[in-house]
Amino acid sequence: MILVDSSVWIDYFRGSQTPEVDRLEALLGVEPLLVGDLVLAEVLQGFTTDRDFNQARGHMAAFQIIDIVGQDIAIQAAKHFRTLRQRGVTVCKTVDTLIATRCIQDDIALLYSDRDFDPFVRYLGLRSALHES
């Protein structure tokens, strides 16, 4: 299973050509993909027209939507944040910490283009789905 971050979905819906979008397109219909509830909110809030919002919502509803946060994930995310801070890494977005933690806890690979996730890969065992087969 692979969870696709909002950073990739946003580029996908914009029609951007990036290695991460190419990977997403290669995975569509081949690999089971997950959409986190927080990712869904981040992606959908960016659409300015009802038409685009509804079209994207329908497209993303085709994938399994999972809850990212619960008490256990929230506590572990705080621990991860503190661990990274002790290593001199500042994570800018709490949402990214929660997404990374959920993926680490459940051994879900993450397809992302937001470099805020790199320290989670480097120090905490997050699996990047960019090059996984």
C-alpha atoms as a PDB file:
ATOM      1  CA  MET A   1       0.000   0.000   0.000  1.00  0.00           C
ATOM      2  CA  ILE A   2       1.100   3.510  -0.820  1.00  0.00           C
ATOM      3  CA  LEU A   3      -0.252   6.726   0.626  1.00  0.00           C
ATOM      4  CA  VAL A   4      -0.057   9.662  -1.775  1.00  0.00           C
ATOM      5  CA  ASP A   5       0.667  13.021  -0.171  1.00  0.00           C
ATOM      6  CA  SER A   6      -1.111  16.233  -1.104  1.00  0.00           C
ATOM      7  CA  SER A   7       2.107  17.594  -2.621  1.00  0.00           C
ATOM      8  CA  VAL A   8       1.859  14.956  -5.360  1.00  0.00           C
ATOM      9  CA  TRP A   9      -1.918  15.204  -5.828  1.00  0.00           C
ATOM     10  CA  ILE A  10      -1.708  18.977  -6.209  1.00  0.00           C
ATOM     11  CA  ASP A  11       0.931  18.652  -8.929  1.00  0.00           C
ATOM     12  CA  TYR A  12      -1.135  15.888 -10.556  1.00  0.00           C
ATOM     13  CA  PHE A  13      -4.296  18.002 -10.717  1.00  0.00           C
ATOM     14  CA  ARG A  14      -2.302  20.987 -11.998  1.00  0.00           C
ATOM     15  CA  GLY A  15      -0.919  18.844 -14.810  1.00  0.00           C
ATOM     16  CA  SER A  16       2.675  19.317 -13.653  1.00  0.00           C
ATOM     17  CA  GLN A  17       5.267  16.892 -14.938  1.00  0.00           C
ATOM     18  CA  THR A  18       7.400  15.749 -12.017  1.00  0.00           C
ATOM     19  CA  PRO A  19       9.025  12.413 -11.164  1.00  0.00           C
ATOM     20  CA  GLU A  20       6.456  12.013  -8.383  1.00  0.00           C
ATOM     21  CA  VAL A  21       3.495  12.626 -10.726  1.00  0.00           C
ATOM     22  CA  ASP A  22       5.024  10.199 -13.225  1.00  0.00           C
ATOM     23  CA  ARG A  23       5.239   7.623 -10.433  1.00  0.00           C
ATOM     24  CA  LEU A  24       1.634   8.276  -9.415  1.00  0.00           C
ATOM     25  CA  GLU A  25       0.466   7.843 -12.994  1.00  0.00           C
ATOM     26  CA  ALA A  26       2.406   4.565 -13.229  1.00  0.00           C
ATOM     27  CA  LEU A  27       0.751   3.315 -10.023  1.00  0.00           C
ATOM     28  CA  LEU A  28      -2.839   4.263 -10.909  1.00  0.00           C
ATOM     29  CA  GLY A  29      -4.856   1.099 -11.475  1.00  0.00           C
ATOM     30  CA  VAL A  30      -1.847  -1.089 -10.673  1.00  0.00           C
ATOM     31  CA  GLU A  31      -1.099  -0.560  -6.979  1.00  0.00           C
ATOM     32  CA  PRO A  32      -3.580  -0.016  -4.137  1.00  0.00           C
ATOM     33  CA  LEU A  33      -3.307   3.671  -3.247  1.00  0.00           C
ATOM     34  CA  LEU A  34      -4.421   5.348  -0.055  1.00  0.00           C
ATOM     35  CA  VAL A  35      -5.604   8.891   0.540  1.00  0.00           C
ATOM     36  CA  GLY A  36      -5.377  10.245   4.059  1.00  0.00           C
ATOM     37  CA  ASP A  37      -8.274  12.287   5.377  1.00  0.00           C
ATOM     38  CA  LEU A  38      -5.925  15.200   6.069  1.00  0.00           C
ATOM     39  CA  VAL A  39      -4.481  14.880   2.556  1.00  0.00           C
ATOM     40  CA  LEU A  40      -7.994  14.964   1.130  1.00  0.00           C
ATOM     41  CA  ALA A  41      -8.702  18.188   3.013  1.00  0.00           C
ATOM     42  CA  GLU A  42      -5.419  19.783   1.892  1.00  0.00           C
ATOM     43  CA  VAL A  43      -6.031  18.939  -1.750  1.00  0.00           C
ATOM     44  CA  LEU A  44      -9.706  19.867  -1.951  1.00  0.00           C
ATOM     45  CA  GLN A  45      -9.313  23.207  -0.170  1.00  0.00           C
ATOM     46  CA  GLY A  46      -7.165  24.432  -3.057  1.00  0.00           C
ATOM     47  CA  PHE A  47      -9.887  24.282  -5.715  1.00  0.00           C
ATOM     48  CA  THR A  48     -11.562  27.588  -6.486  1.00  0.00           C
ATOM     49  CA  THR A  49     -14.554  26.367  -8.498  1.00  0.00           C
ATOM     50  CA  ASP A  50     -17.273  23.946  -7.408  1.00  0.00           C
ATOM     51  CA  ARG A  51     -16.822  22.039 -10.661  1.00  0.00           C
ATOM     52  CA  ASP A  52     -13.105  21.403 -10.066  1.00  0.00           C
ATOM     53  CA  PHE A  53     -13.710  20.651  -6.382  1.00  0.00           C
ATOM     54  CA  ASN A  54     -16.396  18.062  -7.189  1.00  0.00           C
ATOM     55  CA  GLN A  55     -14.381  16.514  -9.996  1.00  0.00           C
ATOM     56  CA  ALA A  56     -11.317  16.088  -7.767  1.00  0.00           C
ATOM     57  CA  ARG A  57     -13.452  14.830  -4.890  1.00  0.00           C
ATOM     58  CA  GLY A  58     -14.968  12.177  -7.135  1.00  0.00           C
ATOM     59  CA  HIS A  59     -11.578  11.166  -8.469  1.00  0.00           C
ATOM     60  CA  MET A  60     -10.065  10.804  -5.005  1.00  0.00           C
ATOM     61  CA  ALA A  61     -13.097   8.927  -3.668  1.00  0.00           C
ATOM     62  CA  ALA A  62     -12.074   6.022  -5.910  1.00  0.00           C
ATOM     63  CA  PHE A  63      -9.225   5.294  -3.477  1.00  0.00           C
ATOM     64  CA  GLN A  64      -9.341   4.016   0.070  1.00  0.00           C
ATOM     65  CA  ILE A  65      -9.575   6.993   2.428  1.00  0.00           C
ATOM     66  CA  ILE A  66      -7.875   6.402   5.766  1.00  0.00           C
ATOM     67  CA  ASP A  67      -7.959   8.335   9.018  1.00  0.00           C
ATOM     68  CA  ILE A  68      -4.532   9.748   9.799  1.00  0.00           C
ATOM     69  CA  VAL A  69      -4.874  10.827  13.412  1.00  0.00           C
ATOM     70  CA  GLY A  70      -5.972   9.205  16.603  1.00  0.00           C
ATOM     71  CA  GLN A  71      -4.572   9.507  20.100  1.00  0.00           C
ATOM     72  CA  ASP A  72      -1.732   7.013  19.540  1.00  0.00           C
ATOM     73  CA  ILE A  73      -0.609   8.691  16.303  1.00  0.00           C
ATOM     74  CA  ALA A  74      -0.842  12.140  17.901  1.00  0.00           C
ATOM     75  CA  ILE A  75       1.420  11.100  20.781  1.00  0.00           C
ATOM     76  CA  GLN A  76       3.898   9.321  18.525  1.00  0.00           C
ATOM     77  CA  ALA A  77       3.939  12.306  16.138  1.00  0.00           C
ATOM     78  CA  ALA A  78       4.903  14.559  19.033  1.00  0.00           C
ATOM     79  CA  LYS A  79       7.719  12.152  19.889  1.00  0.00           C
ATOM     80  CA  HIS A  80       8.888  12.156  16.257  1.00  0.00           C
ATOM     81  CA  PHE A  81       8.799  15.956  16.171  1.00  0.00           C
ATOM     82  CA  ARG A  82      10.883  16.125  19.342  1.00  0.00           C
ATOM     83  CA  THR A  83      13.367  13.529  18.036  1.00  0.00           C
ATOM     84  CA  LEU A  84      13.896  15.505  14.836  1.00  0.00           C
ATOM     85  CA  ARG A  85      14.186  18.773  16.741  1.00  0.00           C
ATOM     86  CA  GLN A  86      16.910  17.190  18.891  1.00  0.00           C
ATOM     87  CA  ARG A  87      18.738  16.362  15.652  1.00  0.00           C
ATOM     88  CA  GLY A  88      18.489  19.998  14.578  1.00  0.00           C
ATOM     89  CA  VAL A  89      15.618  19.449  12.131  1.00  0.00           C
ATOM     90  CA  THR A  90      12.603  21.733  12.285  1.00  0.00           C
ATOM     91  CA  VAL A  91       9.447  20.303  10.762  1.00  0.00           C
ATOM     92  CA  CYS A  92       7.342  23.191   9.490  1.00  0.00           C
ATOM     93  CA  LYS A  93       3.935  21.539   9.317  1.00  0.00           C
ATOM     94  CA  THR A  94       2.235  19.477  11.999  1.00  0.00           C
ATOM     95  CA  VAL A  95       0.121  17.794   9.322  1.00  0.00           C
ATOM     96  CA  ASP A  96       3.280  16.410   7.695  1.00  0.00           C
ATOM     97  CA  THR A  97       4.431  15.016  11.038  1.00  0.00           C
ATOM     98  CA  LEU A  98       1.064  13.300  11.501  1.00  0.00           C
ATOM     99  CA  ILE A  99       1.065  11.838   7.969  1.00  0.00           C
ATOM    100  CA  ALA A 100       4.643  10.592   8.269  1.00  0.00           C
ATOM    101  CA  THR A 101       3.948   9.061  11.671  1.00  0.00           C
ATOM    102  CA  ARG A 102       0.869   7.205  10.439  1.00  0.00           C
ATOM    103  CA  CYS A 103       2.898   5.790   7.562  1.00  0.00           C
ATOM    104  CA  ILE A 104       5.782   4.784   9.842  1.00  0.00           C
ATOM    105  CA  GLN A 105       3.453   3.152  12.385  1.00  0.00           C
ATOM    106  CA  ASP A 106       1.624   1.069   9.762  1.00  0.00           C
ATOM    107  CA  ASP A 107       4.595   0.510   7.407  1.00  0.00           C
ATOM    108  CA  ILE A 108       2.896   2.364   4.554  1.00  0.00           C
ATOM    109  CA  ALA A 109       5.145   3.814   1.861  1.00  0.00           C
ATOM    110  CA  LEU A 110       4.584   7.518   1.172  1.00  0.00           C
ATOM    111  CA  LEU A 111       4.708   9.109  -2.270  1.00  0.00           C
ATOM    112  CA  TYR A 112       5.597  12.739  -1.689  1.00  0.00           C
ATOM    113  CA  SER A 113       7.383  15.690  -3.236  1.00  0.00           C
ATOM    114  CA  ASP A 114       7.397  17.840  -0.088  1.00  0.00           C
ATOM    115  CA  ARG A 115      10.975  17.747   1.236  1.00  0.00           C
ATOM    116  CA  ASP A 116       9.694  18.125   4.807  1.00  0.00           C
ATOM    117  CA  PHE A 117       9.313  14.332   4.733  1.00  0.00           C
ATOM    118  CA  ASP A 118      13.001  13.678   3.971  1.00  0.00           C
ATOM    119  CA  PRO A 119      14.102  13.755   7.652  1.00  0.00           C
ATOM    120  CA  PHE A 120      11.431  11.163   8.448  1.00  0.00           C
ATOM    121  CA  VAL A 121      12.984   8.903   5.806  1.00  0.00           C
ATOM    122  CA  ARG A 122      16.526   9.612   6.935  1.00  0.00           C
ATOM    123  CA  TYR A 123      16.081   9.330  10.695  1.00  0.00           C
ATOM    124  CA  LEU A 124      12.780   7.613  11.489  1.00  0.00           C
ATOM    125  CA  GLY A 125      12.259   4.863   8.923  1.00  0.00           C
ATOM    126  CA  LEU A 126       9.584   6.370   6.682  1.00  0.00           C
ATOM    127  CA  ARG A 127       9.566   4.536   3.351  1.00  0.00           C
ATOM    128  CA  SER A 128       9.554   6.688   0.216  1.00  0.00           C
ATOM    129  CA  ALA A 129       7.411   5.223  -2.579  1.00  0.00           C
ATOM    130  CA  LEU A 130       9.185   7.135  -5.327  1.00  0.00           C
ATOM    131  CA  HIS A 131      11.501   4.286  -6.272  1.00  0.00           C
ATOM    132  CA  GLU A 132       9.865   1.276  -4.609  1.00  0.00           C
ATOM    133  CA  SER A 133       8.667  -1.511  -6.841  1.00  0.00           C
END
